[in-house]
């Protein structure tokens, strides 16, 4: 397994954990600000993985 594949695997795992956290924040909190922050970070991780997939 190449190093880039390991990095992509880790980023995908972080993305899935981030999705769960984002969904929990949406349904649990009344304040939507943490939900938006978590969503932004989660999408940023996925975009980074997407870029790595096509560059390497």
PDB file of N, CA and C in Angstrom:
ATOM      1  N   UNK A   1       0.848  -1.179   0.000  1.00  0.00           N
ATOM      2  CA  UNK A   1       0.000   0.000   0.000  1.00  0.00           C
ATOM      3  C   UNK A   1       0.893   1.242   0.000  1.00  0.00           C
ATOM      4  N   UNK A   2       0.605   2.129  -0.929  1.00  0.00           N
ATOM      5  CA  UNK A   2       1.399   3.351  -1.018  1.00  0.00           C
ATOM      6  C   UNK A   2       1.059   4.295   0.125  1.00  0.00           C
ATOM      7  N   UNK A   3       1.975   5.220   0.384  1.00  0.00           N
ATOM      8  CA  UNK A   3       1.779   6.179   1.468  1.00  0.00           C
ATOM      9  C   UNK A   3       0.569   7.063   1.202  1.00  0.00           C
ATOM     10  N   UNK A   4       0.349   7.427  -0.052  1.00  0.00           N
ATOM     11  CA  UNK A   4      -0.781   8.289  -0.386  1.00  0.00           C
ATOM     12  C   UNK A   4      -2.107   7.577  -0.123  1.00  0.00           C
ATOM     13  N   UNK A   5      -2.128   6.268  -0.327  1.00  0.00           N
ATOM     14  CA  UNK A   5      -3.343   5.503  -0.048  1.00  0.00           C
ATOM     15  C   UNK A   5      -3.637   5.454   1.446  1.00  0.00           C
ATOM     16  N   UNK A   6      -2.600   5.371   2.256  1.00  0.00           N
ATOM     17  CA  UNK A   6      -2.776   5.390   3.709  1.00  0.00           C
ATOM     18  C   UNK A   6      -3.317   6.738   4.166  1.00  0.00           C
ATOM     19  N   UNK A   7      -2.782   7.806   3.588  1.00  0.00           N
ATOM     20  CA  UNK A   7      -3.250   9.146   3.936  1.00  0.00           C
ATOM     21  C   UNK A   7      -4.710   9.311   3.523  1.00  0.00           C
ATOM     22  N   UNK A   8      -5.067   8.839   2.331  1.00  0.00           N
ATOM     23  CA  UNK A   8      -6.456   8.922   1.871  1.00  0.00           C
ATOM     24  C   UNK A   8      -7.389   8.105   2.758  1.00  0.00           C
ATOM     25  N   UNK A   9      -6.926   6.948   3.218  1.00  0.00           N
ATOM     26  CA  UNK A   9      -7.732   6.123   4.114  1.00  0.00           C
ATOM     27  C   UNK A   9      -7.996   6.851   5.424  1.00  0.00           C
ATOM     28  N   UNK A  10      -6.964   7.475   5.964  1.00  0.00           N
ATOM     29  CA  UNK A  10      -7.111   8.231   7.218  1.00  0.00           C
ATOM     30  C   UNK A  10      -8.060   9.407   7.023  1.00  0.00           C
ATOM     31  N   UNK A  11      -7.918  10.121   5.904  1.00  0.00           N
ATOM     32  CA  UNK A  11      -8.801  11.255   5.634  1.00  0.00           C
ATOM     33  C   UNK A  11     -10.254  10.805   5.454  1.00  0.00           C
ATOM     34  N   UNK A  12     -10.461   9.672   4.797  1.00  0.00           N
ATOM     35  CA  UNK A  12     -11.827   9.150   4.649  1.00  0.00           C
ATOM     36  C   UNK A  12     -12.424   8.751   5.994  1.00  0.00           C
ATOM     37  N   UNK A  13     -11.611   8.167   6.862  1.00  0.00           N
ATOM     38  CA  UNK A  13     -12.079   7.802   8.197  1.00  0.00           C
ATOM     39  C   UNK A  13     -12.441   9.048   8.995  1.00  0.00           C
ATOM     40  N   UNK A  14     -11.596  10.079   8.918  1.00  0.00           N
ATOM     41  CA  UNK A  14     -11.903  11.339   9.594  1.00  0.00           C
ATOM     42  C   UNK A  14     -13.174  11.968   9.032  1.00  0.00           C
ATOM     43  N   UNK A  15     -13.378  11.854   7.731  1.00  0.00           N
ATOM     44  CA  UNK A  15     -14.587  12.376   7.112  1.00  0.00           C
ATOM     45  C   UNK A  15     -15.830  11.677   7.671  1.00  0.00           C
ATOM     46  N   UNK A  16     -15.805  10.362   7.768  1.00  0.00           N
ATOM     47  CA  UNK A  16     -16.958   9.629   8.272  1.00  0.00           C
ATOM     48  C   UNK A  16     -17.247   9.965   9.729  1.00  0.00           C
ATOM     49  N   UNK A  17     -16.200  10.106  10.528  1.00  0.00           N
ATOM     50  CA  UNK A  17     -16.385  10.510  11.920  1.00  0.00           C
ATOM     51  C   UNK A  17     -16.958  11.925  11.976  1.00  0.00           C
ATOM     52  N   UNK A  18     -16.463  12.800  11.107  1.00  0.00           N
ATOM     53  CA  UNK A  18     -16.959  14.165  11.051  1.00  0.00           C
ATOM     54  C   UNK A  18     -18.423  14.234  10.655  1.00  0.00           C
ATOM     55  N   UNK A  19     -18.843  13.364   9.753  1.00  0.00           N
ATOM     56  CA  UNK A  19     -20.257  13.333   9.351  1.00  0.00           C
ATOM     57  C   UNK A  19     -21.139  12.957  10.538  1.00  0.00           C
ATOM     58  N   UNK A  20     -20.713  11.981  11.296  1.00  0.00           N
ATOM     59  CA  UNK A  20     -21.494  11.566  12.465  1.00  0.00           C
ATOM     60  C   UNK A  20     -21.572  12.704  13.483  1.00  0.00           C
ATOM     61  N   UNK A  21     -20.445  13.351  13.738  1.00  0.00           N
ATOM     62  CA  UNK A  21     -20.422  14.463  14.686  1.00  0.00           C
ATOM     63  C   UNK A  21     -21.298  15.610  14.192  1.00  0.00           C
ATOM     64  N   UNK A  22     -21.226  15.912  12.902  1.00  0.00           N
ATOM     65  CA  UNK A  22     -22.031  16.992  12.339  1.00  0.00           C
ATOM     66  C   UNK A  22     -23.522  16.688  12.463  1.00  0.00           C
ATOM     67  N   UNK A  23     -23.903  15.451  12.183  1.00  0.00           N
ATOM     68  CA  UNK A  23     -25.314  15.082  12.316  1.00  0.00           C
ATOM     69  C   UNK A  23     -25.775  15.173  13.765  1.00  0.00           C
ATOM     70  N   UNK A  24     -24.939  14.730  14.691  1.00  0.00           N
ATOM     71  CA  UNK A  24     -25.300  14.836  16.098  1.00  0.00           C
ATOM     72  C   UNK A  24     -25.469  16.287  16.523  1.00  0.00           C
ATOM     73  N   UNK A  25     -24.564  17.144  16.077  1.00  0.00           N
ATOM     74  CA  UNK A  25     -24.672  18.561  16.421  1.00  0.00           C
ATOM     75  C   UNK A  25     -25.947  19.180  15.855  1.00  0.00           C
ATOM     76  N   UNK A  26     -26.353  18.756  14.686  1.00  0.00           N
ATOM     77  CA  UNK A  26     -27.571  19.292  14.074  1.00  0.00           C
ATOM     78  C   UNK A  26     -28.803  18.956  14.910  1.00  0.00           C
ATOM     79  N   UNK A  27     -28.881  17.721  15.379  1.00  0.00           N
ATOM     80  CA  UNK A  27     -30.073  17.293  16.088  1.00  0.00           C
ATOM     81  C   UNK A  27     -30.035  17.580  17.590  1.00  0.00           C
ATOM     82  N   UNK A  28     -28.845  17.728  18.166  1.00  0.00           N
ATOM     83  CA  UNK A  28     -28.745  17.871  19.615  1.00  0.00           C
ATOM     84  C   UNK A  28     -28.740  19.330  20.056  1.00  0.00           C
ATOM     85  N   UNK A  29     -28.053  20.191  19.328  1.00  0.00           N
ATOM     86  CA  UNK A  29     -27.906  21.569  19.789  1.00  0.00           C
ATOM     87  C   UNK A  29     -28.964  22.474  19.174  1.00  0.00           C
ATOM     88  N   UNK A  30     -29.337  23.491  19.923  1.00  0.00           N
ATOM     89  CA  UNK A  30     -30.252  24.506  19.407  1.00  0.00           C
ATOM     90  C   UNK A  30     -29.491  25.567  18.634  1.00  0.00           C
ATOM     91  N   UNK A  31     -28.253  25.797  19.046  1.00  0.00           N
ATOM     92  CA  UNK A  31     -27.396  26.767  18.365  1.00  0.00           C
ATOM     93  C   UNK A  31     -26.791  26.080  17.139  1.00  0.00           C
ATOM     94  N   UNK A  32     -26.971  26.650  15.968  1.00  0.00           N
ATOM     95  CA  UNK A  32     -26.499  26.017  14.729  1.00  0.00           C
ATOM     96  C   UNK A  32     -25.041  26.341  14.405  1.00  0.00           C
ATOM     97  N   UNK A  33     -24.425  27.240  15.146  1.00  0.00           N
ATOM     98  CA  UNK A  33     -23.044  27.629  14.835  1.00  0.00           C
ATOM     99  C   UNK A  33     -22.065  26.452  14.914  1.00  0.00           C
ATOM    100  N   UNK A  34     -22.079  25.630  15.967  1.00  0.00           N
ATOM    101  CA  UNK A  34     -21.166  24.464  15.986  1.00  0.00           C
ATOM    102  C   UNK A  34     -21.421  23.498  14.827  1.00  0.00           C
ATOM    103  N   UNK A  35     -22.682  23.360  14.441  1.00  0.00           N
ATOM    104  CA  UNK A  35     -23.027  22.508  13.309  1.00  0.00           C
ATOM    105  C   UNK A  35     -22.350  23.002  12.029  1.00  0.00           C
ATOM    106  N   UNK A  36     -22.395  24.315  11.796  1.00  0.00           N
ATOM    107  CA  UNK A  36     -21.780  24.868  10.589  1.00  0.00           C
ATOM    108  C   UNK A  36     -20.259  24.732  10.611  1.00  0.00           C
ATOM    109  N   UNK A  37     -19.646  24.941  11.768  1.00  0.00           N
ATOM    110  CA  UNK A  37     -18.196  24.780  11.882  1.00  0.00           C
ATOM    111  C   UNK A  37     -17.787  23.334  11.617  1.00  0.00           C
ATOM    112  N   UNK A  38     -18.500  22.407  12.241  1.00  0.00           N
ATOM    113  CA  UNK A  38     -18.177  20.987  12.055  1.00  0.00           C
ATOM    114  C   UNK A  38     -18.399  20.569  10.599  1.00  0.00           C
ATOM    115  N   UNK A  39     -19.453  21.065   9.991  1.00  0.00           N
ATOM    116  CA  UNK A  39     -19.723  20.754   8.594  1.00  0.00           C
ATOM    117  C   UNK A  39     -18.649  21.295   7.675  1.00  0.00           C
ATOM    118  N   UNK A  40     -18.200  22.515   7.947  1.00  0.00           N
ATOM    119  CA  UNK A  40     -17.143  23.107   7.130  1.00  0.00           C
ATOM    120  C   UNK A  40     -15.850  22.310   7.240  1.00  0.00           C
ATOM    121  N   UNK A  41     -15.485  21.916   8.444  1.00  0.00           N
ATOM    122  CA  UNK A  41     -14.256  21.140   8.643  1.00  0.00           C
ATOM    123  C   UNK A  41     -14.383  19.773   7.969  1.00  0.00           C
ATOM    124  N   UNK A  42     -15.550  19.149   8.106  1.00  0.00           N
ATOM    125  CA  UNK A  42     -15.769  17.838   7.498  1.00  0.00           C
ATOM    126  C   UNK A  42     -15.680  17.911   5.973  1.00  0.00           C
ATOM    127  N   UNK A  43     -16.298  18.911   5.389  1.00  0.00           N
ATOM    128  CA  UNK A  43     -16.225  19.059   3.931  1.00  0.00           C
ATOM    129  C   UNK A  43     -14.813  19.402   3.472  1.00  0.00           C
ATOM    130  N   UNK A  44     -14.079  20.156   4.271  1.00  0.00           N
ATOM    131  CA  UNK A  44     -12.699  20.486   3.920  1.00  0.00           C
ATOM    132  C   UNK A  44     -11.829  19.235   3.886  1.00  0.00           C
ATOM    133  N   UNK A  45     -12.049  18.329   4.827  1.00  0.00           N
ATOM    134  CA  UNK A  45     -11.301  17.065   4.847  1.00  0.00           C
ATOM    135  C   UNK A  45     -11.617  16.256   3.592  1.00  0.00           C
ATOM    136  N   UNK A  46     -12.889  16.226   3.196  1.00  0.00           N
ATOM    137  CA  UNK A  46     -13.271  15.454   2.010  1.00  0.00           C
ATOM    138  C   UNK A  46     -12.701  16.076   0.740  1.00  0.00           C
ATOM    139  N   UNK A  47     -12.699  17.393   0.655  1.00  0.00           N
ATOM    140  CA  UNK A  47     -12.135  18.062  -0.525  1.00  0.00           C
ATOM    141  C   UNK A  47     -10.637  17.778  -0.615  1.00  0.00           C
ATOM    142  N   UNK A  48      -9.945  17.782   0.521  1.00  0.00           N
ATOM    143  CA  UNK A  48      -8.515  17.471   0.527  1.00  0.00           C
ATOM    144  C   UNK A  48      -8.276  16.048   0.032  1.00  0.00           C
ATOM    145  N   UNK A  49      -9.088  15.104   0.483  1.00  0.00           N
ATOM    146  CA  UNK A  49      -8.956  13.719   0.025  1.00  0.00           C
ATOM    147  C   UNK A  49      -9.252  13.618  -1.469  1.00  0.00           C
ATOM    148  N   UNK A  50     -10.246  14.344  -1.929  1.00  0.00           N
ATOM    149  CA  UNK A  50     -10.614  14.353  -3.344  1.00  0.00           C
ATOM    150  C   UNK A  50      -9.460  14.872  -4.203  1.00  0.00           C
ATOM    151  N   UNK A  51      -8.825  15.936  -3.749  1.00  0.00           N
ATOM    152  CA  UNK A  51      -7.678  16.494  -4.480  1.00  0.00           C
ATOM    153  C   UNK A  51      -6.535  15.492  -4.514  1.00  0.00           C
ATOM    154  N   UNK A  52      -6.255  14.843  -3.394  1.00  0.00           N
ATOM    155  CA  UNK A  52      -5.175  13.860  -3.355  1.00  0.00           C
ATOM    156  C   UNK A  52      -5.454  12.688  -4.285  1.00  0.00           C
ATOM    157  N   UNK A  53      -6.717  12.308  -4.396  1.00  0.00           N
ATOM    158  CA  UNK A  53      -7.083  11.183  -5.259  1.00  0.00           C
ATOM    159  C   UNK A  53      -6.737  11.479  -6.724  1.00  0.00           C
ATOM    160  N   UNK A  54      -6.969  12.687  -7.183  1.00  0.00           N
ATOM    161  CA  UNK A  54      -6.754  12.984  -8.588  1.00  0.00           C
ATOM    162  C   UNK A  54      -5.379  13.524  -8.910  1.00  0.00           C
ATOM    163  N   UNK A  55      -4.661  14.027  -7.927  1.00  0.00           N
ATOM    164  CA  UNK A  55      -3.317  14.530  -8.176  1.00  0.00           C
ATOM    165  C   UNK A  55      -2.313  13.383  -8.218  1.00  0.00           C
ATOM    166  N   UNK A  56      -2.494  12.383  -7.320  1.00  0.00           N
ATOM    167  CA  UNK A  56      -1.527  11.283  -7.248  1.00  0.00           C
ATOM    168  C   UNK A  56      -2.117  10.009  -7.771  1.00  0.00           C
TER     169      UNK A  56
END
